[in-house]
Every structure is written in C-alpha cells, then in structure tokens.
Amino acid sequence: MKMMNVAAATMLATALATVPLVAQDGANMITATKSQFDMVKGYITKAAEQVGEDNYAFKPTPEVRSFGQLIGHVADSNYMICAAAAGEKSPASGIEKSAITKAALQKALAEAFAYCDKVFAGMTEEKSEEVVSFFGNKQPKLAVLAFNTAHDFEHYGNIVTYMRLKGLVPPSSQPKK
C-alpha cells in the first residue's frame, strides 16, 4: 500500500511540475509565430526597397500581377487577415488597385505590417485561443495569424521569382552582414 502511495505521489508531483510548462506553451507559440512573421516581413520589406521604381510595373507574363501590385496585395491581405485575427474590420483595403508608386507602396506595406505588429502585441495566450470566423471556418486567432505568415511567404516566393528574372538577388539569398 505504501508503495502505491509513493507511486501516486510521484505521478502527482510530476503532473504538477509540468503545469508551468503547459502554461508557457501558448506564449511560446505566440512568440514563435511572431518570429516567423518578422522574418518574412523583413524579407518583403527589403525586397520592396531593393527593387527599382522602374521594375514595380514588371509582370513576368501579362496575366499576373506586376511587382507593385504584388506588394499592394501583400499590404491589403495583411490588413484583412490581421484584422480578422483581432476581431476587427480591416482598416484599409484597395491598395493593390490604388497605390502605384514605389514610395506609396512601401509606405502602405510598412503601415500594414505595423498594424499586424499591433495585433501581435495585443495577443495573449487566452486571446490566441479565441475562435473567429475566417474564410467560412472557425479558427483560433493565432491560427489566423499563422495563416497570414504563410500567405506572406507564398507571395515572397513570387517576389523572389520576379527579382531573379530581373537579375536581382533576393534578401533571403544575400550574404549575412
């Protein structure tokens, strides 16, 4: 009997010792998700800086977005997706269709990324688990933010292709300074 009590006490102590670890998982997931967002945000921002104004109208084929439209689309989608994660109405839209110059697109992109940074800054473990409607599905808020990062990486892949076609080395392939 005494052996069972020792075993039960050991199991209970082990279970209780893991409570702080479980409590940290949500915060770690927010930090990891934000870190990945920061990575792609940096790549896209640097690419938008690196590509010359004359190449903002470049389209690899007539039926695809120009480089500038792609930057505008990334800005629009960051507003829309991060607003969904925040449970808010998107504060901006139509950038892809209205912004034309490199300066206007870079400004819009920076503002959209800053909006997502604000949403991340307000994300707590509890909020990250709240469910919102997103593209017709119920998703935890953190999953919506992770989708935004995946969407940004998808379009960074387009940006890399556009840059390579113009003989430019994309930020993620440049040597570390």
N, C-alpha and C. Protein backbone atom coordinates (compact mmCIF):
# COMPACT_ATOMS: atom_id res chain seq x y z
N MET A 1 0.82 -1.18 0.00
CA MET A 1 0.00 0.00 0.00
C MET A 1 0.87 1.25 0.00
N LYS A 2 1.92 1.20 0.87
CA LYS A 2 2.82 2.35 0.94
C LYS A 2 3.48 2.60 -0.41
N MET A 3 3.82 1.54 -1.15
CA MET A 3 4.44 1.67 -2.46
C MET A 3 3.49 2.35 -3.44
N MET A 4 2.18 2.06 -3.36
CA MET A 4 1.19 2.70 -4.23
C MET A 4 1.09 4.18 -3.91
N ASN A 5 1.14 4.53 -2.62
CA ASN A 5 1.09 5.94 -2.23
C ASN A 5 2.30 6.71 -2.76
N VAL A 6 3.47 6.08 -2.70
CA VAL A 6 4.68 6.70 -3.22
C VAL A 6 4.55 6.89 -4.73
N ALA A 7 4.06 5.86 -5.41
CA ALA A 7 3.88 5.95 -6.86
C ALA A 7 2.86 7.03 -7.20
N ALA A 8 1.76 7.08 -6.48
CA ALA A 8 0.73 8.10 -6.74
C ALA A 8 1.28 9.49 -6.45
N ALA A 9 2.03 9.63 -5.38
CA ALA A 9 2.61 10.93 -5.04
C ALA A 9 3.62 11.37 -6.10
N THR A 10 4.40 10.41 -6.61
CA THR A 10 5.38 10.72 -7.65
C THR A 10 4.67 11.17 -8.93
N MET A 11 3.60 10.46 -9.30
CA MET A 11 2.85 10.83 -10.50
C MET A 11 2.22 12.21 -10.34
N LEU A 12 1.67 12.48 -9.16
CA LEU A 12 1.05 13.77 -8.90
C LEU A 12 2.10 14.88 -8.95
N ALA A 13 3.24 14.64 -8.35
CA ALA A 13 4.31 15.65 -8.35
C ALA A 13 4.79 15.91 -9.78
N THR A 14 4.92 14.85 -10.56
CA THR A 14 5.33 15.01 -11.96
C THR A 14 4.30 15.81 -12.74
N ALA A 15 3.04 15.48 -12.55
CA ALA A 15 1.96 16.20 -13.25
C ALA A 15 1.95 17.67 -12.86
N LEU A 16 2.08 17.96 -11.58
CA LEU A 16 2.07 19.35 -11.12
C LEU A 16 3.30 20.11 -11.59
N ALA A 17 4.43 19.41 -11.71
CA ALA A 17 5.65 20.07 -12.18
C ALA A 17 5.54 20.51 -13.63
N THR A 18 4.70 19.83 -14.40
CA THR A 18 4.56 20.18 -15.82
C THR A 18 3.55 21.30 -16.05
N VAL A 19 2.77 21.66 -15.03
CA VAL A 19 1.78 22.73 -15.21
C VAL A 19 2.41 24.02 -15.70
N PRO A 20 3.53 24.48 -15.11
CA PRO A 20 4.14 25.71 -15.64
C PRO A 20 4.58 25.57 -17.09
N LEU A 21 5.04 24.38 -17.49
CA LEU A 21 5.45 24.17 -18.87
C LEU A 21 4.26 24.27 -19.81
N VAL A 22 3.15 23.67 -19.44
CA VAL A 22 1.95 23.74 -20.26
C VAL A 22 1.48 25.18 -20.35
N ALA A 23 1.55 25.90 -19.27
CA ALA A 23 1.11 27.30 -19.26
C ALA A 23 1.97 28.15 -20.17
N GLN A 24 3.23 27.76 -20.36
CA GLN A 24 4.12 28.54 -21.22
C GLN A 24 3.94 28.23 -22.69
N ASP A 25 3.35 27.10 -23.04
CA ASP A 25 3.24 26.70 -24.44
C ASP A 25 2.55 27.74 -25.29
N GLY A 26 1.43 28.29 -24.83
CA GLY A 26 0.70 29.28 -25.61
C GLY A 26 1.54 30.51 -25.87
N ALA A 27 2.23 31.00 -24.85
CA ALA A 27 3.09 32.17 -25.02
C ALA A 27 4.24 31.85 -25.98
N ASN A 28 4.79 30.65 -25.87
CA ASN A 28 5.85 30.25 -26.79
C ASN A 28 5.35 30.17 -28.22
N MET A 29 4.13 29.72 -28.40
CA MET A 29 3.56 29.64 -29.75
C MET A 29 3.35 31.04 -30.33
N ILE A 30 2.92 31.97 -29.51
CA ILE A 30 2.76 33.36 -29.98
C ILE A 30 4.12 33.91 -30.38
N THR A 31 5.12 33.71 -29.54
CA THR A 31 6.47 34.19 -29.82
C THR A 31 7.02 33.56 -31.10
N ALA A 32 6.84 32.26 -31.26
CA ALA A 32 7.34 31.57 -32.45
C ALA A 32 6.61 32.06 -33.71
N THR A 33 5.31 32.24 -33.62
CA THR A 33 4.53 32.71 -34.76
C THR A 33 4.95 34.13 -35.13
N LYS A 34 5.16 34.98 -34.13
CA LYS A 34 5.60 36.36 -34.38
C LYS A 34 7.00 36.37 -34.98
N SER A 35 7.86 35.49 -34.54
CA SER A 35 9.22 35.41 -35.07
C SER A 35 9.21 35.07 -36.56
N GLN A 36 8.36 34.13 -36.95
CA GLN A 36 8.25 33.77 -38.37
C GLN A 36 7.67 34.93 -39.18
N PHE A 37 6.69 35.62 -38.62
CA PHE A 37 6.13 36.79 -39.29
C PHE A 37 7.22 37.85 -39.47
N ASP A 38 8.01 38.10 -38.43
CA ASP A 38 9.07 39.10 -38.52
C ASP A 38 10.08 38.74 -39.62
N MET A 39 10.36 37.45 -39.77
CA MET A 39 11.31 37.01 -40.80
C MET A 39 10.79 37.39 -42.19
N VAL A 40 9.58 36.99 -42.51
CA VAL A 40 9.05 37.25 -43.85
C VAL A 40 8.78 38.74 -44.04
N LYS A 41 8.37 39.42 -42.99
CA LYS A 41 8.17 40.87 -43.06
C LYS A 41 9.47 41.54 -43.46
N GLY A 42 10.57 41.11 -42.86
CA GLY A 42 11.88 41.68 -43.20
C GLY A 42 12.27 41.41 -44.64
N TYR A 43 12.05 40.18 -45.10
CA TYR A 43 12.38 39.84 -46.49
C TYR A 43 11.58 40.69 -47.48
N ILE A 44 10.27 40.79 -47.25
CA ILE A 44 9.42 41.52 -48.18
C ILE A 44 9.75 43.02 -48.15
N THR A 45 9.98 43.55 -46.96
CA THR A 45 10.33 44.97 -46.84
C THR A 45 11.64 45.27 -47.57
N LYS A 46 12.64 44.42 -47.38
CA LYS A 46 13.93 44.62 -48.05
C LYS A 46 13.78 44.47 -49.57
N ALA A 47 12.98 43.53 -50.01
CA ALA A 47 12.77 43.35 -51.45
C ALA A 47 12.09 44.59 -52.04
N ALA A 48 11.10 45.12 -51.34
CA ALA A 48 10.40 46.32 -51.82
C ALA A 48 11.37 47.50 -51.91
N GLU A 49 12.34 47.57 -51.00
CA GLU A 49 13.36 48.62 -51.04
C GLU A 49 14.34 48.39 -52.19
N GLN A 50 14.72 47.14 -52.38
CA GLN A 50 15.78 46.79 -53.33
C GLN A 50 15.34 46.95 -54.79
N VAL A 51 14.10 46.62 -55.09
CA VAL A 51 13.63 46.68 -56.48
C VAL A 51 13.43 48.14 -56.87
N GLY A 52 13.95 48.50 -58.02
CA GLY A 52 13.86 49.88 -58.50
C GLY A 52 12.45 50.24 -58.94
N GLU A 53 12.16 51.52 -58.88
CA GLU A 53 10.84 52.05 -59.30
C GLU A 53 10.46 51.54 -60.69
N ASP A 54 11.42 51.49 -61.61
CA ASP A 54 11.13 51.05 -62.98
C ASP A 54 10.66 49.60 -63.05
N ASN A 55 11.00 48.79 -62.06
CA ASN A 55 10.58 47.38 -62.05
C ASN A 55 9.29 47.14 -61.28
N TYR A 56 8.71 48.15 -60.69
CA TYR A 56 7.44 47.99 -59.99
C TYR A 56 6.30 47.68 -60.96
N ALA A 57 6.45 48.03 -62.23
CA ALA A 57 5.43 47.72 -63.24
C ALA A 57 5.71 46.38 -63.94
N PHE A 58 6.82 45.73 -63.59
CA PHE A 58 7.20 44.48 -64.25
C PHE A 58 6.22 43.36 -63.96
N LYS A 59 5.81 42.67 -65.04
CA LYS A 59 4.98 41.47 -64.97
C LYS A 59 5.71 40.38 -65.75
N PRO A 60 5.97 39.23 -65.15
CA PRO A 60 6.62 38.15 -65.89
C PRO A 60 5.78 37.68 -67.09
N THR A 61 4.48 37.69 -66.93
CA THR A 61 3.55 37.39 -68.03
C THR A 61 2.37 38.36 -67.89
N PRO A 62 1.65 38.63 -68.98
CA PRO A 62 0.57 39.63 -68.92
C PRO A 62 -0.56 39.32 -67.94
N GLU A 63 -0.80 38.05 -67.64
CA GLU A 63 -1.95 37.70 -66.80
C GLU A 63 -1.67 37.68 -65.30
N VAL A 64 -0.46 38.00 -64.89
CA VAL A 64 -0.15 38.01 -63.46
C VAL A 64 0.01 39.44 -62.95
N ARG A 65 0.05 39.59 -61.64
CA ARG A 65 0.24 40.90 -61.02
C ARG A 65 1.62 41.45 -61.35
N SER A 66 1.70 42.77 -61.42
CA SER A 66 3.01 43.41 -61.51
C SER A 66 3.68 43.30 -60.14
N PHE A 67 4.97 43.61 -60.10
CA PHE A 67 5.68 43.59 -58.82
C PHE A 67 4.99 44.54 -57.84
N GLY A 68 4.65 45.73 -58.30
CA GLY A 68 3.97 46.70 -57.44
C GLY A 68 2.62 46.22 -56.96
N GLN A 69 1.85 45.59 -57.85
CA GLN A 69 0.55 45.05 -57.44
C GLN A 69 0.74 43.94 -56.40
N LEU A 70 1.79 43.18 -56.56
CA LEU A 70 2.09 42.12 -55.58
C LEU A 70 2.37 42.72 -54.21
N ILE A 71 3.15 43.79 -54.16
CA ILE A 71 3.42 44.47 -52.89
C ILE A 71 2.11 45.02 -52.32
N GLY A 72 1.27 45.61 -53.18
CA GLY A 72 -0.03 46.12 -52.74
C GLY A 72 -0.93 45.01 -52.22
N HIS A 73 -0.90 43.87 -52.89
CA HIS A 73 -1.70 42.72 -52.44
C HIS A 73 -1.25 42.25 -51.06
N VAL A 74 0.05 42.19 -50.84
CA VAL A 74 0.57 41.78 -49.53
C VAL A 74 0.09 42.76 -48.46
N ALA A 75 0.13 44.05 -48.75
CA ALA A 75 -0.35 45.05 -47.79
C ALA A 75 -1.84 44.85 -47.52
N ASP A 76 -2.64 44.73 -48.58
CA ASP A 76 -4.09 44.52 -48.41
C ASP A 76 -4.38 43.28 -47.57
N SER A 77 -3.71 42.19 -47.89
CA SER A 77 -4.01 40.93 -47.20
C SER A 77 -3.55 40.96 -45.75
N ASN A 78 -2.46 41.65 -45.46
CA ASN A 78 -2.02 41.76 -44.06
C ASN A 78 -3.06 42.51 -43.24
N TYR A 79 -3.60 43.59 -43.80
CA TYR A 79 -4.67 44.30 -43.09
C TYR A 79 -5.87 43.37 -42.88
N MET A 80 -6.30 42.72 -43.94
CA MET A 80 -7.51 41.90 -43.87
C MET A 80 -7.36 40.72 -42.91
N ILE A 81 -6.25 40.00 -43.00
CA ILE A 81 -6.07 38.80 -42.20
C ILE A 81 -5.80 39.16 -40.73
N CYS A 82 -4.95 40.15 -40.50
CA CYS A 82 -4.68 40.53 -39.10
C CYS A 82 -5.91 41.15 -38.45
N ALA A 83 -6.73 41.86 -39.23
CA ALA A 83 -7.99 42.39 -38.68
C ALA A 83 -8.90 41.24 -38.28
N ALA A 84 -8.95 40.19 -39.08
CA ALA A 84 -9.77 39.02 -38.73
C ALA A 84 -9.28 38.41 -37.42
N ALA A 85 -7.96 38.32 -37.26
CA ALA A 85 -7.40 37.77 -36.02
C ALA A 85 -7.71 38.66 -34.82
N ALA A 86 -7.83 39.96 -35.06
CA ALA A 86 -8.13 40.89 -33.97
C ALA A 86 -9.63 41.00 -33.72
N GLY A 87 -10.44 40.42 -34.62
CA GLY A 87 -11.89 40.55 -34.49
C GLY A 87 -12.37 41.93 -34.87
N GLU A 88 -11.63 42.58 -35.78
CA GLU A 88 -11.94 43.93 -36.22
C GLU A 88 -12.25 43.97 -37.71
N LYS A 89 -12.77 45.08 -38.15
CA LYS A 89 -12.95 45.34 -39.58
C LYS A 89 -11.60 45.82 -40.11
N SER A 90 -11.24 45.41 -41.30
CA SER A 90 -9.97 45.82 -41.88
C SER A 90 -9.90 47.34 -41.99
N PRO A 91 -8.83 47.95 -41.47
CA PRO A 91 -8.73 49.41 -41.50
C PRO A 91 -8.35 49.97 -42.87
N ALA A 92 -7.95 49.12 -43.81
CA ALA A 92 -7.57 49.60 -45.14
C ALA A 92 -7.80 48.50 -46.16
N SER A 93 -8.04 48.90 -47.39
CA SER A 93 -8.18 47.94 -48.49
C SER A 93 -8.00 48.69 -49.80
N GLY A 94 -7.85 47.95 -50.87
CA GLY A 94 -7.74 48.56 -52.19
C GLY A 94 -6.37 49.08 -52.55
N ILE A 95 -5.38 48.76 -51.76
CA ILE A 95 -4.02 49.25 -52.00
C ILE A 95 -3.49 48.72 -53.32
N GLU A 96 -3.73 47.44 -53.58
CA GLU A 96 -3.26 46.82 -54.83
C GLU A 96 -3.76 47.57 -56.05
N LYS A 97 -4.98 48.08 -55.97
CA LYS A 97 -5.60 48.75 -57.12
C LYS A 97 -5.30 50.24 -57.18
N SER A 98 -4.96 50.85 -56.02
CA SER A 98 -4.84 52.31 -56.00
C SER A 98 -3.41 52.84 -55.88
N ALA A 99 -2.55 52.17 -55.17
CA ALA A 99 -1.18 52.65 -54.99
C ALA A 99 -0.35 52.24 -56.20
N ILE A 100 0.39 53.19 -56.75
CA ILE A 100 1.13 52.91 -57.98
C ILE A 100 2.63 53.10 -57.79
N THR A 101 3.02 54.15 -57.10
CA THR A 101 4.45 54.45 -56.99
C THR A 101 5.13 53.56 -55.95
N LYS A 102 6.42 53.41 -56.13
CA LYS A 102 7.21 52.64 -55.17
C LYS A 102 7.05 53.23 -53.77
N ALA A 103 7.15 54.56 -53.65
CA ALA A 103 7.06 55.21 -52.34
C ALA A 103 5.70 54.94 -51.68
N ALA A 104 4.62 55.05 -52.44
CA ALA A 104 3.28 54.82 -51.88
C ALA A 104 3.10 53.37 -51.47
N LEU A 105 3.63 52.46 -52.27
CA LEU A 105 3.50 51.04 -51.94
C LEU A 105 4.36 50.66 -50.73
N GLN A 106 5.55 51.20 -50.65
CA GLN A 106 6.40 50.92 -49.48
C GLN A 106 5.75 51.47 -48.21
N LYS A 107 5.17 52.64 -48.30
CA LYS A 107 4.50 53.24 -47.14
C LYS A 107 3.31 52.37 -46.71
N ALA A 108 2.50 51.97 -47.69
CA ALA A 108 1.33 51.12 -47.38
C ALA A 108 1.76 49.79 -46.79
N LEU A 109 2.82 49.21 -47.34
CA LEU A 109 3.33 47.93 -46.83
C LEU A 109 3.81 48.09 -45.39
N ALA A 110 4.56 49.13 -45.10
CA ALA A 110 5.06 49.37 -43.74
C ALA A 110 3.90 49.57 -42.77
N GLU A 111 2.88 50.30 -43.19
CA GLU A 111 1.72 50.53 -42.32
C GLU A 111 0.94 49.25 -42.07
N ALA A 112 0.81 48.42 -43.10
CA ALA A 112 0.10 47.14 -42.94
C ALA A 112 0.87 46.22 -41.99
N PHE A 113 2.19 46.15 -42.15
CA PHE A 113 3.00 45.34 -41.25
C PHE A 113 2.92 45.89 -39.82
N ALA A 114 2.91 47.20 -39.67
CA ALA A 114 2.79 47.80 -38.33
C ALA A 114 1.45 47.45 -37.70
N TYR A 115 0.40 47.41 -38.51
CA TYR A 115 -0.92 47.02 -37.99
C TYR A 115 -0.87 45.58 -37.47
N CYS A 116 -0.25 44.68 -38.23
CA CYS A 116 -0.13 43.28 -37.77
C CYS A 116 0.74 43.19 -36.52
N ASP A 117 1.80 44.00 -36.46
CA ASP A 117 2.62 44.02 -35.25
C ASP A 117 1.78 44.41 -34.04
N LYS A 118 0.87 45.37 -34.22
CA LYS A 118 0.00 45.81 -33.13
C LYS A 118 -0.93 44.67 -32.70
N VAL A 119 -1.44 43.92 -33.67
CA VAL A 119 -2.31 42.78 -33.35
C VAL A 119 -1.52 41.74 -32.56
N PHE A 120 -0.30 41.44 -33.00
CA PHE A 120 0.54 40.50 -32.27
C PHE A 120 0.82 41.01 -30.85
N ALA A 121 1.11 42.29 -30.72
CA ALA A 121 1.45 42.86 -29.41
C ALA A 121 0.29 42.70 -28.41
N GLY A 122 -0.92 42.72 -28.91
CA GLY A 122 -2.08 42.57 -28.04
C GLY A 122 -2.53 41.13 -27.83
N MET A 123 -1.82 40.19 -28.45
CA MET A 123 -2.22 38.78 -28.38
C MET A 123 -1.71 38.15 -27.09
N THR A 124 -2.64 37.69 -26.29
CA THR A 124 -2.30 36.94 -25.08
C THR A 124 -2.58 35.47 -25.36
N GLU A 125 -2.15 34.62 -24.45
CA GLU A 125 -2.43 33.20 -24.62
C GLU A 125 -3.94 32.96 -24.70
N GLU A 126 -4.67 33.62 -23.83
CA GLU A 126 -6.13 33.46 -23.81
C GLU A 126 -6.74 33.95 -25.12
N LYS A 127 -6.34 35.12 -25.58
CA LYS A 127 -6.88 35.65 -26.84
C LYS A 127 -6.48 34.79 -28.02
N SER A 128 -5.28 34.22 -27.99
CA SER A 128 -4.80 33.42 -29.12
C SER A 128 -5.67 32.19 -29.36
N GLU A 129 -6.35 31.74 -28.31
CA GLU A 129 -7.19 30.56 -28.42
C GLU A 129 -8.65 30.88 -28.76
N GLU A 130 -9.02 32.17 -28.71
CA GLU A 130 -10.39 32.55 -29.06
C GLU A 130 -10.62 32.23 -30.54
N VAL A 131 -11.82 31.80 -30.84
CA VAL A 131 -12.16 31.37 -32.19
C VAL A 131 -12.87 32.50 -32.93
N VAL A 132 -12.45 32.70 -34.19
CA VAL A 132 -13.08 33.70 -35.06
C VAL A 132 -13.46 33.02 -36.37
N SER A 133 -14.35 33.65 -37.08
CA SER A 133 -14.73 33.16 -38.41
C SER A 133 -13.70 33.67 -39.41
N PHE A 134 -13.16 32.75 -40.19
CA PHE A 134 -12.11 33.12 -41.15
C PHE A 134 -12.29 32.28 -42.40
N PHE A 135 -12.61 32.92 -43.51
CA PHE A 135 -12.88 32.24 -44.78
C PHE A 135 -13.91 31.11 -44.60
N GLY A 136 -14.94 31.39 -43.82
CA GLY A 136 -16.03 30.45 -43.64
C GLY A 136 -15.77 29.35 -42.64
N ASN A 137 -14.65 29.39 -41.97
CA ASN A 137 -14.31 28.37 -40.98
C ASN A 137 -14.07 29.04 -39.63
N LYS A 138 -14.22 28.29 -38.58
CA LYS A 138 -13.91 28.75 -37.24
C LYS A 138 -12.45 28.40 -36.96
N GLN A 139 -11.66 29.43 -36.63
CA GLN A 139 -10.23 29.23 -36.41
C GLN A 139 -9.79 29.97 -35.15
N PRO A 140 -8.84 29.42 -34.39
CA PRO A 140 -8.26 30.19 -33.29
C PRO A 140 -7.52 31.41 -33.87
N LYS A 141 -7.52 32.49 -33.14
CA LYS A 141 -6.89 33.72 -33.61
C LYS A 141 -5.42 33.51 -34.00
N LEU A 142 -4.70 32.73 -33.22
CA LEU A 142 -3.29 32.50 -33.53
C LEU A 142 -3.14 31.75 -34.85
N ALA A 143 -4.06 30.84 -35.16
CA ALA A 143 -4.00 30.13 -36.43
C ALA A 143 -4.22 31.10 -37.60
N VAL A 144 -5.05 32.11 -37.39
CA VAL A 144 -5.28 33.11 -38.44
C VAL A 144 -3.99 33.90 -38.66
N LEU A 145 -3.30 34.27 -37.59
CA LEU A 145 -2.03 34.98 -37.74
C LEU A 145 -0.98 34.10 -38.41
N ALA A 146 -0.98 32.81 -38.10
CA ALA A 146 -0.05 31.89 -38.76
C ALA A 146 -0.38 31.78 -40.25
N PHE A 147 -1.67 31.80 -40.59
CA PHE A 147 -2.06 31.79 -41.99
C PHE A 147 -1.52 33.03 -42.70
N ASN A 148 -1.58 34.17 -42.03
CA ASN A 148 -1.06 35.40 -42.63
C ASN A 148 0.42 35.25 -42.97
N THR A 149 1.17 34.68 -42.05
CA THR A 149 2.60 34.47 -42.29
C THR A 149 2.80 33.52 -43.47
N ALA A 150 2.03 32.46 -43.54
CA ALA A 150 2.14 31.52 -44.66
C ALA A 150 1.80 32.22 -45.98
N HIS A 151 0.78 33.05 -45.96
CA HIS A 151 0.39 33.79 -47.16
C HIS A 151 1.51 34.75 -47.57
N ASP A 152 2.12 35.41 -46.60
CA ASP A 152 3.24 36.30 -46.90
C ASP A 152 4.41 35.53 -47.51
N PHE A 153 4.72 34.37 -46.96
CA PHE A 153 5.80 33.56 -47.52
C PHE A 153 5.44 33.09 -48.94
N GLU A 154 4.18 32.76 -49.17
CA GLU A 154 3.75 32.37 -50.52
C GLU A 154 4.08 33.48 -51.51
N HIS A 155 3.72 34.70 -51.16
CA HIS A 155 3.97 35.81 -52.08
C HIS A 155 5.43 36.26 -52.08
N TYR A 156 6.15 35.99 -51.00
CA TYR A 156 7.58 36.25 -51.05
C TYR A 156 8.21 35.33 -52.11
N GLY A 157 7.69 34.12 -52.24
CA GLY A 157 8.17 33.22 -53.31
C GLY A 157 7.96 33.84 -54.68
N ASN A 158 6.81 34.50 -54.89
CA ASN A 158 6.58 35.21 -56.15
C ASN A 158 7.61 36.33 -56.31
N ILE A 159 7.82 37.08 -55.24
CA ILE A 159 8.76 38.21 -55.27
C ILE A 159 10.16 37.73 -55.64
N VAL A 160 10.59 36.60 -55.06
CA VAL A 160 11.90 36.03 -55.37
C VAL A 160 12.00 35.75 -56.87
N THR A 161 10.97 35.15 -57.43
CA THR A 161 10.98 34.84 -58.87
C THR A 161 11.09 36.12 -59.69
N TYR A 162 10.29 37.12 -59.37
CA TYR A 162 10.35 38.40 -60.10
C TYR A 162 11.76 38.98 -60.02
N MET A 163 12.34 38.97 -58.83
CA MET A 163 13.67 39.53 -58.65
C MET A 163 14.71 38.75 -59.45
N ARG A 164 14.64 37.44 -59.41
CA ARG A 164 15.61 36.62 -60.16
C ARG A 164 15.49 36.89 -61.66
N LEU A 165 14.26 37.05 -62.14
CA LEU A 165 14.06 37.35 -63.57
C LEU A 165 14.68 38.70 -63.96
N LYS A 166 14.83 39.58 -63.01
CA LYS A 166 15.44 40.89 -63.25
C LYS A 166 16.92 40.92 -62.86
N GLY A 167 17.48 39.76 -62.53
CA GLY A 167 18.90 39.69 -62.20
C GLY A 167 19.25 40.17 -60.82
N LEU A 168 18.26 40.22 -59.93
CA LEU A 168 18.47 40.68 -58.57
C LEU A 168 18.54 39.50 -57.60
N VAL A 169 19.35 39.64 -56.58
CA VAL A 169 19.45 38.60 -55.54
C VAL A 169 18.48 38.96 -54.43
N PRO A 170 17.50 38.08 -54.16
CA PRO A 170 16.51 38.38 -53.12
C PRO A 170 17.14 38.42 -51.72
N PRO A 171 16.50 39.15 -50.81
CA PRO A 171 17.07 39.31 -49.45
C PRO A 171 17.42 38.00 -48.74
N SER A 172 16.59 36.98 -48.89
CA SER A 172 16.86 35.72 -48.19
C SER A 172 18.06 34.98 -48.74
N SER A 173 18.53 35.35 -49.92
CA SER A 173 19.71 34.70 -50.52
C SER A 173 20.97 35.55 -50.42
N GLN A 174 20.84 36.73 -49.88
CA GLN A 174 22.01 37.61 -49.75
C GLN A 174 22.86 37.17 -48.56
N PRO A 175 24.17 37.38 -48.67
CA PRO A 175 25.05 37.01 -47.54
C PRO A 175 24.66 37.79 -46.28
N LYS A 176 24.81 37.16 -45.14
CA LYS A 176 24.54 37.83 -43.87
C LYS A 176 25.62 38.88 -43.64
N LYS A 177 25.19 40.04 -43.12
CA LYS A 177 26.14 41.13 -42.88
C LYS A 177 26.61 41.13 -41.46
